[in-house]
PDB file of N, CA and C in Angstrom:
ATOM      1  N   MET A   1     -19.724  21.903  21.799  1.00  0.00           N
ATOM      2  CA  MET A   1     -19.737  20.530  21.338  1.00  0.00           C
ATOM      3  C   MET A   1     -18.777  19.717  22.184  1.00  0.00           C
ATOM      4  N   SER A   2     -19.249  18.615  22.697  1.00  0.00           N
ATOM      5  CA  SER A   2     -18.368  17.748  23.464  1.00  0.00           C
ATOM      6  C   SER A   2     -17.621  16.834  22.498  1.00  0.00           C
ATOM      7  N   TRP A   3     -16.337  16.702  22.717  1.00  0.00           N
ATOM      8  CA  TRP A   3     -15.509  15.899  21.827  1.00  0.00           C
ATOM      9  C   TRP A   3     -15.414  14.488  22.364  1.00  0.00           C
ATOM     10  N   SER A   4     -15.853  13.560  21.580  1.00  0.00           N
ATOM     11  CA  SER A   4     -15.736  12.148  21.910  1.00  0.00           C
ATOM     12  C   SER A   4     -15.362  11.408  20.632  1.00  0.00           C
ATOM     13  N   LEU A   5     -14.982  10.165  20.791  1.00  0.00           N
ATOM     14  CA  LEU A   5     -14.646   9.370  19.615  1.00  0.00           C
ATOM     15  C   LEU A   5     -15.844   9.249  18.687  1.00  0.00           C
ATOM     16  N   ARG A   6     -17.006   9.123  19.280  1.00  0.00           N
ATOM     17  CA  ARG A   6     -18.225   8.991  18.471  1.00  0.00           C
ATOM     18  C   ARG A   6     -18.478  10.249  17.639  1.00  0.00           C
ATOM     19  N   SER A   7     -18.334  11.434  18.259  1.00  0.00           N
ATOM     20  CA  SER A   7     -18.584  12.670  17.514  1.00  0.00           C
ATOM     21  C   SER A   7     -17.527  12.882  16.432  1.00  0.00           C
ATOM     22  N   LEU A   8     -16.280  12.486  16.708  1.00  0.00           N
ATOM     23  CA  LEU A   8     -15.244  12.592  15.680  1.00  0.00           C
ATOM     24  C   LEU A   8     -15.568  11.703  14.484  1.00  0.00           C
ATOM     25  N   LEU A   9     -15.961  10.474  14.766  1.00  0.00           N
ATOM     26  CA  LEU A   9     -16.265   9.550  13.672  1.00  0.00           C
ATOM     27  C   LEU A   9     -17.518   9.960  12.911  1.00  0.00           C
ATOM     28  N   GLU A  10     -18.496  10.537  13.606  1.00  0.00           N
ATOM     29  CA  GLU A  10     -19.702  11.015  12.916  1.00  0.00           C
ATOM     30  C   GLU A  10     -19.375  12.179  11.988  1.00  0.00           C
ATOM     31  N   GLY A  11     -18.549  13.113  12.456  1.00  0.00           N
ATOM     32  CA  GLY A  11     -18.144  14.224  11.602  1.00  0.00           C
ATOM     33  C   GLY A  11     -17.329  13.766  10.408  1.00  0.00           C
ATOM     34  N   TYR A  12     -16.467  12.785  10.628  1.00  0.00           N
ATOM     35  CA  TYR A  12     -15.656  12.222   9.547  1.00  0.00           C
ATOM     36  C   TYR A  12     -16.541  11.513   8.524  1.00  0.00           C
ATOM     37  N   ARG A  13     -17.467  10.720   9.006  1.00  0.00           N
ATOM     38  CA  ARG A  13     -18.384  10.001   8.113  1.00  0.00           C
ATOM     39  C   ARG A  13     -19.244  10.986   7.316  1.00  0.00           C
ATOM     40  N   GLU A  14     -19.671  12.060   7.967  1.00  0.00           N
ATOM     41  CA  GLU A  14     -20.484  13.072   7.281  1.00  0.00           C
ATOM     42  C   GLU A  14     -19.687  13.735   6.158  1.00  0.00           C
ATOM     43  N   GLY A  15     -18.399  13.960   6.390  1.00  0.00           N
ATOM     44  CA  GLY A  15     -17.553  14.523   5.342  1.00  0.00           C
ATOM     45  C   GLY A  15     -17.464  13.627   4.120  1.00  0.00           C
ATOM     46  N   TRP A  16     -17.353  12.326   4.332  1.00  0.00           N
ATOM     47  CA  TRP A  16     -17.307  11.385   3.210  1.00  0.00           C
ATOM     48  C   TRP A  16     -18.673  11.216   2.569  1.00  0.00           C
ATOM     49  N   ARG A  17     -19.731  11.251   3.365  1.00  0.00           N
ATOM     50  CA  ARG A  17     -21.076  11.059   2.821  1.00  0.00           C
ATOM     51  C   ARG A  17     -21.463  12.211   1.895  1.00  0.00           C
ATOM     52  N   ARG A  18     -21.045  13.421   2.230  1.00  0.00           N
ATOM     53  CA  ARG A  18     -21.419  14.606   1.448  1.00  0.00           C
ATOM     54  C   ARG A  18     -20.240  15.119   0.616  1.00  0.00           C
ATOM     55  N   TYR A  19     -19.455  14.207   0.067  1.00  0.00           N
ATOM     56  CA  TYR A  19     -18.210  14.601  -0.593  1.00  0.00           C
ATOM     57  C   TYR A  19     -18.407  15.401  -1.872  1.00  0.00           C
ATOM     58  N   THR A  20     -19.607  15.397  -2.457  1.00  0.00           N
ATOM     59  CA  THR A  20     -19.835  16.200  -3.664  1.00  0.00           C
ATOM     60  C   THR A  20     -20.723  17.409  -3.400  1.00  0.00           C
ATOM     61  N   ASP A  21     -21.063  17.657  -2.154  1.00  0.00           N
ATOM     62  CA  ASP A  21     -21.941  18.778  -1.799  1.00  0.00           C
ATOM     63  C   ASP A  21     -21.091  20.016  -1.527  1.00  0.00           C
ATOM     64  N   PHE A  22     -21.035  20.911  -2.508  1.00  0.00           N
ATOM     65  CA  PHE A  22     -20.284  22.152  -2.350  1.00  0.00           C
ATOM     66  C   PHE A  22     -21.203  23.340  -2.073  1.00  0.00           C
ATOM     67  N   THR A  23     -22.502  23.117  -1.972  1.00  0.00           N
ATOM     68  CA  THR A  23     -23.440  24.218  -1.793  1.00  0.00           C
ATOM     69  C   THR A  23     -24.066  24.253  -0.408  1.00  0.00           C
ATOM     70  N   GLY A  24     -23.957  23.203   0.356  1.00  0.00           N
ATOM     71  CA  GLY A  24     -24.571  23.163   1.681  1.00  0.00           C
ATOM     72  C   GLY A  24     -23.722  23.870   2.724  1.00  0.00           C
ATOM     73  N   ARG A  25     -24.006  23.570   3.962  1.00  0.00           N
ATOM     74  CA  ARG A  25     -23.264  24.152   5.078  1.00  0.00           C
ATOM     75  C   ARG A  25     -22.800  23.038   6.000  1.00  0.00           C
ATOM     76  N   SER A  26     -21.672  23.267   6.663  1.00  0.00           N
ATOM     77  CA  SER A  26     -21.143  22.329   7.647  1.00  0.00           C
ATOM     78  C   SER A  26     -20.787  23.093   8.909  1.00  0.00           C
ATOM     79  N   THR A  27     -20.818  22.392  10.023  1.00  0.00           N
ATOM     80  CA  THR A  27     -20.429  23.004  11.286  1.00  0.00           C
ATOM     81  C   THR A  27     -18.910  22.952  11.431  1.00  0.00           C
ATOM     82  N   VAL A  28     -18.417  23.768  12.333  1.00  0.00           N
ATOM     83  CA  VAL A  28     -16.988  23.754  12.624  1.00  0.00           C
ATOM     84  C   VAL A  28     -16.598  22.390  13.193  1.00  0.00           C
ATOM     85  N   GLY A  29     -17.492  21.784  13.962  1.00  0.00           N
ATOM     86  CA  GLY A  29     -17.220  20.467  14.528  1.00  0.00           C
ATOM     87  C   GLY A  29     -17.007  19.407  13.462  1.00  0.00           C
ATOM     88  N   GLU A  30     -17.831  19.429  12.415  1.00  0.00           N
ATOM     89  CA  GLU A  30     -17.654  18.478  11.312  1.00  0.00           C
ATOM     90  C   GLU A  30     -16.316  18.710  10.617  1.00  0.00           C
ATOM     91  N   TYR A  31     -15.974  19.967  10.434  1.00  0.00           N
ATOM     92  CA  TYR A  31     -14.717  20.318   9.777  1.00  0.00           C
ATOM     93  C   TYR A  31     -13.522  19.825  10.592  1.00  0.00           C
ATOM     94  N   VAL A  32     -13.536  20.125  11.882  1.00  0.00           N
ATOM     95  CA  VAL A  32     -12.428  19.723  12.751  1.00  0.00           C
ATOM     96  C   VAL A  32     -12.349  18.202  12.844  1.00  0.00           C
ATOM     97  N   ALA A  33     -13.494  17.539  12.966  1.00  0.00           N
ATOM     98  CA  ALA A  33     -13.502  16.079  13.042  1.00  0.00           C
ATOM     99  C   ALA A  33     -12.900  15.476  11.780  1.00  0.00           C
ATOM    100  N   PHE A  34     -13.267  15.999  10.624  1.00  0.00           N
ATOM    101  CA  PHE A  34     -12.729  15.474   9.369  1.00  0.00           C
ATOM    102  C   PHE A  34     -11.216  15.672   9.313  1.00  0.00           C
ATOM    103  N   LEU A  35     -10.744  16.848   9.717  1.00  0.00           N
ATOM    104  CA  LEU A  35      -9.308  17.109   9.690  1.00  0.00           C
ATOM    105  C   LEU A  35      -8.551  16.233  10.677  1.00  0.00           C
ATOM    106  N   VAL A  36      -9.077  16.084  11.894  1.00  0.00           N
ATOM    107  CA  VAL A  36      -8.390  15.304  12.927  1.00  0.00           C
ATOM    108  C   VAL A  36      -8.295  13.834  12.523  1.00  0.00           C
ATOM    109  N   VAL A  37      -9.394  13.261  12.057  1.00  0.00           N
ATOM    110  CA  VAL A  37      -9.361  11.846  11.670  1.00  0.00           C
ATOM    111  C   VAL A  37      -8.461  11.648  10.451  1.00  0.00           C
ATOM    112  N   ASN A  38      -8.495  12.559   9.491  1.00  0.00           N
ATOM    113  CA  ASN A  38      -7.581  12.456   8.346  1.00  0.00           C
ATOM    114  C   ASN A  38      -6.128  12.519   8.803  1.00  0.00           C
ATOM    115  N   LEU A  39      -5.832  13.399   9.746  1.00  0.00           N
ATOM    116  CA  LEU A  39      -4.477  13.505  10.281  1.00  0.00           C
ATOM    117  C   LEU A  39      -4.065  12.203  10.962  1.00  0.00           C
ATOM    118  N   LEU A  40      -4.950  11.629  11.773  1.00  0.00           N
ATOM    119  CA  LEU A  40      -4.631  10.383  12.472  1.00  0.00           C
ATOM    120  C   LEU A  40      -4.430   9.223  11.500  1.00  0.00           C
ATOM    121  N   VAL A  41      -5.269   9.136  10.482  1.00  0.00           N
ATOM    122  CA  VAL A  41      -5.110   8.075   9.477  1.00  0.00           C
ATOM    123  C   VAL A  41      -3.783   8.256   8.742  1.00  0.00           C
ATOM    124  N   GLY A  42      -3.467   9.486   8.377  1.00  0.00           N
ATOM    125  CA  GLY A  42      -2.203   9.753   7.695  1.00  0.00           C
ATOM    126  C   GLY A  42      -0.997   9.426   8.555  1.00  0.00           C
ATOM    127  N   LEU A  43      -1.058   9.791   9.836  1.00  0.00           N
ATOM    128  CA  LEU A  43       0.047   9.471  10.744  1.00  0.00           C
ATOM    129  C   LEU A  43       0.199   7.965  10.930  1.00  0.00           C
ATOM    130  N   LEU A  44      -0.910   7.262  11.044  1.00  0.00           N
ATOM    131  CA  LEU A  44      -0.862   5.808  11.188  1.00  0.00           C
ATOM    132  C   LEU A  44      -0.244   5.157   9.953  1.00  0.00           C
ATOM    133  N   LEU A  45      -0.664   5.587   8.779  1.00  0.00           N
ATOM    134  CA  LEU A  45      -0.097   5.030   7.551  1.00  0.00           C
ATOM    135  C   LEU A  45       1.390   5.358   7.423  1.00  0.00           C
ATOM    136  N   HIS A  46       1.781   6.560   7.828  1.00  0.00           N
ATOM    137  CA  HIS A  46       3.196   6.933   7.786  1.00  0.00           C
ATOM    138  C   HIS A  46       4.005   6.085   8.768  1.00  0.00           C
ATOM    139  N   LEU A  47       3.468   5.871   9.954  1.00  0.00           N
ATOM    140  CA  LEU A  47       4.147   5.037  10.947  1.00  0.00           C
ATOM    141  C   LEU A  47       4.313   3.608  10.429  1.00  0.00           C
ATOM    142  N   LEU A  48       3.257   3.054   9.862  1.00  0.00           N
ATOM    143  CA  LEU A  48       3.342   1.701   9.309  1.00  0.00           C
ATOM    144  C   LEU A  48       4.340   1.629   8.159  1.00  0.00           C
ATOM    145  N   GLU A  49       4.401   2.675   7.353  1.00  0.00           N
ATOM    146  CA  GLU A  49       5.361   2.718   6.248  1.00  0.00           C
ATOM    147  C   GLU A  49       6.792   2.733   6.782  1.00  0.00           C
ATOM    148  N   SER A  50       7.041   3.511   7.831  1.00  0.00           N
ATOM    149  CA  SER A  50       8.402   3.587   8.357  1.00  0.00           C
ATOM    150  C   SER A  50       8.810   2.298   9.068  1.00  0.00           C
ATOM    151  N   ILE A  51       7.861   1.557   9.601  1.00  0.00           N
ATOM    152  CA  ILE A  51       8.177   0.294  10.272  1.00  0.00           C
ATOM    153  C   ILE A  51       8.444  -0.810   9.248  1.00  0.00           C
ATOM    154  N   THR A  52       7.595  -0.912   8.235  1.00  0.00           N
ATOM    155  CA  THR A  52       7.699  -2.033   7.297  1.00  0.00           C
ATOM    156  C   THR A  52       8.712  -1.799   6.186  1.00  0.00           C
ATOM    157  N   GLU A  53       8.857  -0.591   5.708  1.00  0.00           N
ATOM    158  CA  GLU A  53       9.812  -0.215   4.659  1.00  0.00           C
ATOM    159  C   GLU A  53       9.678  -1.045   3.377  1.00  0.00           C
ATOM    160  N   ASP A  54       8.483  -1.542   3.086  1.00  0.00           N
ATOM    161  CA  ASP A  54       8.312  -2.295   1.844  1.00  0.00           C
ATOM    162  C   ASP A  54       7.580  -1.501   0.766  1.00  0.00           C
ATOM    163  N   GLY A  55       7.124  -0.308   1.089  1.00  0.00           N
ATOM    164  CA  GLY A  55       6.481   0.548   0.103  1.00  0.00           C
ATOM    165  C   GLY A  55       4.981   0.406   0.000  1.00  0.00           C
ATOM    166  N   LEU A  56       4.416  -0.643   0.577  1.00  0.00           N
ATOM    167  CA  LEU A  56       2.976  -0.864   0.456  1.00  0.00           C
ATOM    168  C   LEU A  56       2.183   0.236   1.149  1.00  0.00           C
ATOM    169  N   PHE A  57       2.559   0.563   2.380  1.00  0.00           N
ATOM    170  CA  PHE A  57       1.790   1.564   3.117  1.00  0.00           C
ATOM    171  C   PHE A  57       2.014   2.965   2.561  1.00  0.00           C
ATOM    172  N   GLY A  58       3.150   3.198   1.921  1.00  0.00           N
ATOM    173  CA  GLY A  58       3.350   4.465   1.225  1.00  0.00           C
ATOM    174  C   GLY A  58       2.395   4.604   0.057  1.00  0.00           C
ATOM    175  N   PHE A  59       2.223   3.528  -0.674  1.00  0.00           N
ATOM    176  CA  PHE A  59       1.271   3.514  -1.785  1.00  0.00           C
ATOM    177  C   PHE A  59      -0.156   3.694  -1.269  1.00  0.00           C
ATOM    178  N   VAL A  60      -0.508   2.956  -0.210  1.00  0.00           N
ATOM    179  CA  VAL A  60      -1.849   3.069   0.376  1.00  0.00           C
ATOM    180  C   VAL A  60      -2.078   4.493   0.883  1.00  0.00           C
ATOM    181  N   GLY A  61      -1.058   5.085   1.501  1.00  0.00           N
ATOM    182  CA  GLY A  61      -1.175   6.458   1.978  1.00  0.00           C
ATOM    183  C   GLY A  61      -1.388   7.445   0.848  1.00  0.00           C
ATOM    184  N   GLY A  62      -0.702   7.235  -0.262  1.00  0.00           N
ATOM    185  CA  GLY A  62      -0.889   8.098  -1.421  1.00  0.00           C
ATOM    186  C   GLY A  62      -2.282   7.985  -2.008  1.00  0.00           C
ATOM    187  N   VAL A  63      -2.774   6.758  -2.105  1.00  0.00           N
ATOM    188  CA  VAL A  63      -4.134   6.543  -2.612  1.00  0.00           C
ATOM    189  C   VAL A  63      -5.151   7.177  -1.668  1.00  0.00           C
ATOM    190  N   TYR A  64      -4.936   7.001  -0.356  1.00  0.00           N
ATOM    191  CA  TYR A  64      -5.852   7.592   0.625  1.00  0.00           C
ATOM    192  C   TYR A  64      -5.839   9.121   0.522  1.00  0.00           C
ATOM    193  N   ALA A  65      -4.650   9.703   0.388  1.00  0.00           N
ATOM    194  CA  ALA A  65      -4.554  11.164   0.282  1.00  0.00           C
ATOM    195  C   ALA A  65      -5.296  11.675  -0.947  1.00  0.00           C
ATOM    196  N   LEU A  66      -5.156  10.989  -2.064  1.00  0.00           N
ATOM    197  CA  LEU A  66      -5.882  11.398  -3.272  1.00  0.00           C
ATOM    198  C   LEU A  66      -7.386  11.220  -3.106  1.00  0.00           C
ATOM    199  N   ALA A  67      -7.788  10.123  -2.471  1.00  0.00           N
ATOM    200  CA  ALA A  67      -9.221   9.873  -2.273  1.00  0.00           C
ATOM    201  C   ALA A  67      -9.832  10.885  -1.314  1.00  0.00           C
ATOM    202  N   ALA A  68      -9.076  11.323  -0.313  1.00  0.00           N
ATOM    203  CA  ALA A  68      -9.598  12.252   0.690  1.00  0.00           C
ATOM    204  C   ALA A  68      -9.538  13.709   0.231  1.00  0.00           C
ATOM    205  N   LEU A  69      -8.935  13.964  -0.910  1.00  0.00           N
ATOM    206  CA  LEU A  69      -8.790  15.341  -1.384  1.00  0.00           C
ATOM    207  C   LEU A  69     -10.137  15.999  -1.682  1.00  0.00           C
ATOM    208  N   LEU A  70     -10.987  15.350  -2.456  1.00  0.00           N
ATOM    209  CA  LEU A  70     -12.287  15.933  -2.811  1.00  0.00           C
ATOM    210  C   LEU A  70     -13.190  16.128  -1.587  1.00  0.00           C
ATOM    211  N   PRO A  71     -13.341  15.141  -0.698  1.00  0.00           N
ATOM    212  CA  PRO A  71     -14.153  15.390   0.501  1.00  0.00           C
ATOM    213  C   PRO A  71     -13.573  16.504   1.375  1.00  0.00           C
ATOM    214  N   GLY A  72     -12.242  16.598   1.436  1.00  0.00           N
ATOM    215  CA  GLY A  72     -11.615  17.664   2.218  1.00  0.00           C
ATOM    216  C   GLY A  72     -11.915  19.046   1.661  1.00  0.00           C
ATOM    217  N   ILE A  73     -11.863  19.169   0.349  1.00  0.00           N
ATOM    218  CA  ILE A  73     -12.201  20.448  -0.281  1.00  0.00           C
ATOM    219  C   ILE A  73     -13.675  20.763  -0.066  1.00  0.00           C
ATOM    220  N   ALA A  74     -14.528  19.751  -0.205  1.00  0.00           N
ATOM    221  CA  ALA A  74     -15.972  19.974  -0.052  1.00  0.00           C
ATOM    222  C   ALA A  74     -16.318  20.434   1.360  1.00  0.00           C
ATOM    223  N   VAL A  75     -15.761  19.781   2.379  1.00  0.00           N
ATOM    224  CA  VAL A  75     -16.087  20.181   3.750  1.00  0.00           C
ATOM    225  C   VAL A  75     -15.507  21.566   4.056  1.00  0.00           C
ATOM    226  N   THR A  76     -14.365  21.906   3.467  1.00  0.00           N
ATOM    227  CA  THR A  76     -13.798  23.242   3.652  1.00  0.00           C
ATOM    228  C   THR A  76     -14.693  24.302   3.026  1.00  0.00           C
ATOM    229  N   VAL A  77     -15.184  24.051   1.822  1.00  0.00           N
ATOM    230  CA  VAL A  77     -16.084  25.001   1.159  1.00  0.00           C
ATOM    231  C   VAL A  77     -17.362  25.172   1.974  1.00  0.00           C
ATOM    232  N   ARG A  78     -17.910  24.064   2.468  1.00  0.00           N
ATOM    233  CA  ARG A  78     -19.160  24.155   3.239  1.00  0.00           C
ATOM    234  C   ARG A  78     -18.970  24.931   4.535  1.00  0.00           C
ATOM    235  N   VAL A  79     -17.866  24.717   5.230  1.00  0.00           N
ATOM    236  CA  VAL A  79     -17.670  25.442   6.486  1.00  0.00           C
ATOM    237  C   VAL A  79     -17.365  26.915   6.211  1.00  0.00           C
ATOM    238  N   LEU A  80     -16.690  27.215   5.118  1.00  0.00           N
ATOM    239  CA  LEU A  80     -16.473  28.621   4.759  1.00  0.00           C
ATOM    240  C   LEU A  80     -17.788  29.307   4.415  1.00  0.00           C
ATOM    241  N   ARG A  81     -18.690  28.589   3.755  1.00  0.00           N
ATOM    242  CA  ARG A  81     -20.014  29.152   3.468  1.00  0.00           C
ATOM    243  C   ARG A  81     -20.752  29.453   4.772  1.00  0.00           C
ATOM    244  N   THR A  82     -20.564  28.604   5.770  1.00  0.00           N
ATOM    245  CA  THR A  82     -21.197  28.829   7.068  1.00  0.00           C
ATOM    246  C   THR A  82     -20.590  30.046   7.752  1.00  0.00           C
ATOM    247  N   TRP A  83     -19.260  30.138   7.754  1.00  0.00           N
ATOM    248  CA  TRP A  83     -18.583  31.241   8.427  1.00  0.00           C
ATOM    249  C   TRP A  83     -18.827  32.577   7.745  1.00  0.00           C
ATOM    250  N   LEU A  84     -18.924  32.583   6.420  1.00  0.00           N
ATOM    251  CA  LEU A  84     -19.008  33.838   5.673  1.00  0.00           C
ATOM    252  C   LEU A  84     -20.427  34.277   5.345  1.00  0.00           C
ATOM    253  N   ARG A  85     -21.407  33.536   5.794  1.00  0.00           N
ATOM    254  CA  ARG A  85     -22.789  33.929   5.491  1.00  0.00           C
ATOM    255  C   ARG A  85     -23.125  35.222   6.238  1.00  0.00           C
ATOM    256  N   PRO A  86     -23.986  36.042   5.655  1.00  0.00           N
ATOM    257  CA  PRO A  86     -24.372  37.293   6.319  1.00  0.00           C
ATOM    258  C   PRO A  86     -25.116  37.006   7.624  1.00  0.00           C
ATOM    259  N   ARG A  87     -24.770  37.731   8.631  1.00  0.00           N
ATOM    260  CA  ARG A  87     -25.408  37.566   9.932  1.00  0.00           C
ATOM    261  C   ARG A  87     -26.341  38.752  10.179  1.00  0.00           C
ATOM    262  N   PRO A  88     -27.488  38.504  10.808  1.00  0.00           N
ATOM    263  CA  PRO A  88     -28.417  39.620  11.072  1.00  0.00           C
ATOM    264  C   PRO A  88     -27.897  40.556  12.141  1.00  0.00           C
TER     265      PRO A  88
END
């Protein structure tokens, strides 16, 4: 898989689109894209919080972390189902 901004954003969007799907399968690329974009968003919010020091971005970061929890678990379950499936 070639890594580009487009493929990262597509994998991230797919993680949010299928946030309640715990029975399907996901590729490693979708999993990595979701983790990388979540990490970048978290780092950006943390940086903004440390610059502004007014507490707003800390609150936004907390809300984002809670909102991203379910899609993160779902994409992890789907990729584990892919990795652990019986192979011929």
